[in-house]
């Protein structure tokens, strides 16, 4: 599940400062990102700033873990 830097109303890519960042974690949960609180996202960037990977023995278990985040 990609986490993209977009305007919450128009969904247009949006540059700016990340004011808070708390990556989820736990068994079967991984986040690939270089994002951190107070990081500045310039206007020339790939809008995907984080990637959430959730796994489970069966698809419904992975979906359940993701829903709990």
N, C-alpha and C. Protein backbone atom coordinates (compact mmCIF):
# COMPACT_ATOMS: atom_id res chain seq x y z
N UNK A 1 0.85 -1.16 0.00
CA UNK A 1 0.00 0.00 0.00
C UNK A 1 0.91 1.23 0.00
N UNK A 2 0.94 2.01 -1.07
CA UNK A 2 1.78 3.19 -1.11
C UNK A 2 1.20 4.34 -0.29
N UNK A 3 2.08 5.09 0.32
CA UNK A 3 1.68 6.30 1.03
C UNK A 3 2.20 7.46 0.20
N UNK A 4 1.29 8.24 -0.33
CA UNK A 4 1.69 9.29 -1.24
C UNK A 4 1.46 10.67 -0.64
N UNK A 5 2.32 11.59 -1.04
CA UNK A 5 2.26 12.96 -0.57
C UNK A 5 1.30 13.73 -1.48
N UNK A 6 0.02 13.77 -1.06
CA UNK A 6 -1.01 14.40 -1.88
C UNK A 6 -1.89 15.31 -1.03
N UNK A 7 -2.46 16.32 -1.69
CA UNK A 7 -3.41 17.21 -1.03
C UNK A 7 -4.63 16.38 -0.64
N UNK A 8 -5.10 16.47 0.62
CA UNK A 8 -6.21 15.63 1.07
C UNK A 8 -7.56 15.96 0.42
N UNK A 9 -7.69 17.13 -0.19
CA UNK A 9 -8.96 17.52 -0.81
C UNK A 9 -8.95 17.22 -2.31
N UNK A 10 -7.89 17.67 -2.99
CA UNK A 10 -7.84 17.54 -4.45
C UNK A 10 -7.06 16.31 -4.92
N UNK A 11 -6.30 15.68 -4.04
CA UNK A 11 -5.46 14.51 -4.34
C UNK A 11 -4.36 14.82 -5.35
N UNK A 12 -4.05 16.10 -5.54
CA UNK A 12 -2.96 16.52 -6.41
C UNK A 12 -1.66 16.37 -5.61
N UNK A 13 -0.55 15.89 -6.24
CA UNK A 13 0.71 15.82 -5.51
C UNK A 13 1.03 17.15 -4.84
N UNK A 14 1.52 17.07 -3.61
CA UNK A 14 1.73 18.27 -2.82
C UNK A 14 3.07 18.24 -2.09
N UNK A 15 3.91 19.22 -2.37
CA UNK A 15 5.20 19.35 -1.69
C UNK A 15 4.99 20.04 -0.34
N UNK A 16 5.98 19.92 0.54
CA UNK A 16 5.89 20.61 1.82
C UNK A 16 6.63 19.86 2.92
N UNK A 17 6.38 20.27 4.15
CA UNK A 17 7.04 19.68 5.32
C UNK A 17 6.16 18.61 5.94
N UNK A 18 6.78 17.48 6.32
CA UNK A 18 6.09 16.44 7.07
C UNK A 18 6.14 16.88 8.52
N UNK A 19 5.01 17.21 9.10
CA UNK A 19 5.01 17.72 10.47
C UNK A 19 5.11 16.60 11.51
N UNK A 20 4.47 15.46 11.26
CA UNK A 20 4.59 14.31 12.15
C UNK A 20 4.70 13.05 11.30
N UNK A 21 5.41 12.08 11.81
CA UNK A 21 5.54 10.80 11.09
C UNK A 21 5.72 9.71 12.13
N UNK A 22 4.82 8.75 12.11
CA UNK A 22 4.93 7.60 13.00
C UNK A 22 4.63 6.36 12.16
N UNK A 23 5.66 5.59 11.91
CA UNK A 23 5.51 4.39 11.08
C UNK A 23 4.87 3.28 11.91
N UNK A 24 3.91 2.55 11.33
CA UNK A 24 3.32 1.42 12.05
C UNK A 24 4.32 0.27 12.12
N UNK A 25 4.09 -0.65 13.01
CA UNK A 25 4.99 -1.79 13.15
C UNK A 25 4.27 -2.97 13.75
N UNK A 26 4.99 -4.03 13.97
CA UNK A 26 4.44 -5.24 14.56
C UNK A 26 4.75 -6.45 13.70
N UNK A 27 4.30 -7.60 14.13
CA UNK A 27 4.52 -8.84 13.40
C UNK A 27 3.89 -8.78 12.02
N UNK A 28 4.69 -9.07 11.01
CA UNK A 28 4.19 -9.09 9.65
C UNK A 28 3.99 -7.73 9.02
N UNK A 29 4.50 -6.65 9.66
CA UNK A 29 4.33 -5.28 9.14
C UNK A 29 5.70 -4.68 8.87
N UNK A 30 5.87 -4.14 7.66
CA UNK A 30 7.13 -3.48 7.32
C UNK A 30 6.81 -2.18 6.59
N UNK A 31 7.60 -1.15 6.85
CA UNK A 31 7.46 0.13 6.17
C UNK A 31 8.79 0.45 5.50
N UNK A 32 8.77 0.69 4.20
CA UNK A 32 9.95 1.14 3.47
C UNK A 32 9.79 2.63 3.23
N UNK A 33 10.63 3.43 3.87
CA UNK A 33 10.52 4.88 3.73
C UNK A 33 11.77 5.57 4.24
N UNK A 34 12.03 6.73 3.71
CA UNK A 34 13.08 7.60 4.22
C UNK A 34 12.44 8.82 4.88
N UNK A 35 11.12 8.80 5.03
CA UNK A 35 10.39 9.93 5.62
C UNK A 35 10.63 10.00 7.12
N UNK A 36 10.57 11.20 7.66
CA UNK A 36 10.70 11.44 9.10
C UNK A 36 10.06 12.78 9.42
N UNK A 37 9.76 12.99 10.70
CA UNK A 37 9.15 14.26 11.12
C UNK A 37 10.10 15.40 10.79
N UNK A 38 9.56 16.49 10.29
CA UNK A 38 10.28 17.70 9.88
C UNK A 38 11.03 17.56 8.56
N UNK A 39 10.87 16.44 7.86
CA UNK A 39 11.47 16.31 6.53
C UNK A 39 10.72 17.22 5.56
N UNK A 40 11.43 17.75 4.60
CA UNK A 40 10.82 18.61 3.58
C UNK A 40 10.76 17.83 2.27
N UNK A 41 9.57 17.76 1.70
CA UNK A 41 9.36 17.10 0.41
C UNK A 41 9.38 18.18 -0.65
N UNK A 42 10.41 18.19 -1.52
CA UNK A 42 10.50 19.23 -2.55
C UNK A 42 9.48 19.02 -3.66
N UNK A 43 9.27 20.03 -4.50
CA UNK A 43 8.29 19.89 -5.58
C UNK A 43 8.73 18.90 -6.66
N UNK A 44 10.00 18.53 -6.69
CA UNK A 44 10.52 17.60 -7.70
C UNK A 44 10.80 16.26 -7.02
N UNK A 45 9.81 15.41 -6.94
CA UNK A 45 9.95 14.17 -6.19
C UNK A 45 8.97 13.14 -6.74
N UNK A 46 9.19 11.90 -6.38
CA UNK A 46 8.23 10.84 -6.64
C UNK A 46 7.22 10.94 -5.50
N UNK A 47 5.94 11.00 -5.80
CA UNK A 47 4.94 11.24 -4.76
C UNK A 47 4.80 10.08 -3.77
N UNK A 48 5.37 8.91 -4.07
CA UNK A 48 5.31 7.81 -3.10
C UNK A 48 6.45 7.98 -2.10
N UNK A 49 6.11 8.40 -0.88
CA UNK A 49 7.13 8.65 0.13
C UNK A 49 7.28 7.50 1.11
N UNK A 50 6.37 6.54 1.09
CA UNK A 50 6.47 5.37 1.96
C UNK A 50 5.71 4.21 1.32
N UNK A 51 6.14 3.01 1.69
CA UNK A 51 5.46 1.80 1.21
C UNK A 51 5.20 0.91 2.42
N UNK A 52 3.94 0.51 2.59
CA UNK A 52 3.53 -0.35 3.69
C UNK A 52 3.37 -1.77 3.17
N UNK A 53 4.09 -2.71 3.79
CA UNK A 53 4.01 -4.11 3.40
C UNK A 53 3.46 -4.89 4.60
N UNK A 54 2.36 -5.60 4.40
CA UNK A 54 1.74 -6.37 5.47
C UNK A 54 1.56 -7.79 4.96
N UNK A 55 2.01 -8.77 5.76
CA UNK A 55 1.84 -10.16 5.32
C UNK A 55 1.15 -10.99 6.40
N UNK A 56 0.53 -12.05 5.94
CA UNK A 56 -0.15 -12.98 6.82
C UNK A 56 -0.19 -14.35 6.16
N UNK A 57 -0.52 -15.38 6.93
CA UNK A 57 -0.58 -16.73 6.39
C UNK A 57 -1.64 -16.84 5.29
N UNK A 58 -2.68 -16.08 5.41
CA UNK A 58 -3.76 -16.04 4.42
C UNK A 58 -4.08 -14.57 4.14
N UNK A 59 -4.61 -14.26 2.96
CA UNK A 59 -4.91 -12.86 2.64
C UNK A 59 -5.79 -12.17 3.67
N UNK A 60 -6.80 -12.84 4.20
CA UNK A 60 -7.69 -12.19 5.17
C UNK A 60 -6.94 -11.82 6.45
N UNK A 61 -5.88 -12.57 6.79
CA UNK A 61 -5.10 -12.22 7.99
C UNK A 61 -4.27 -10.95 7.74
N UNK A 62 -3.69 -10.83 6.55
CA UNK A 62 -2.94 -9.61 6.20
C UNK A 62 -3.88 -8.40 6.19
N UNK A 63 -5.05 -8.57 5.63
CA UNK A 63 -6.02 -7.48 5.59
C UNK A 63 -6.44 -7.10 7.01
N UNK A 64 -6.62 -8.09 7.87
CA UNK A 64 -6.95 -7.82 9.27
C UNK A 64 -5.86 -7.04 9.99
N UNK A 65 -4.60 -7.41 9.73
CA UNK A 65 -3.48 -6.67 10.34
C UNK A 65 -3.45 -5.24 9.85
N UNK A 66 -3.68 -5.06 8.55
CA UNK A 66 -3.65 -3.71 7.99
C UNK A 66 -4.80 -2.88 8.55
N UNK A 67 -5.95 -3.49 8.72
CA UNK A 67 -7.10 -2.77 9.26
C UNK A 67 -6.86 -2.34 10.72
N UNK A 68 -6.07 -3.12 11.45
CA UNK A 68 -5.78 -2.81 12.85
C UNK A 68 -4.79 -1.67 13.00
N UNK A 69 -4.08 -1.34 11.93
CA UNK A 69 -3.08 -0.26 12.01
C UNK A 69 -3.83 1.02 12.03
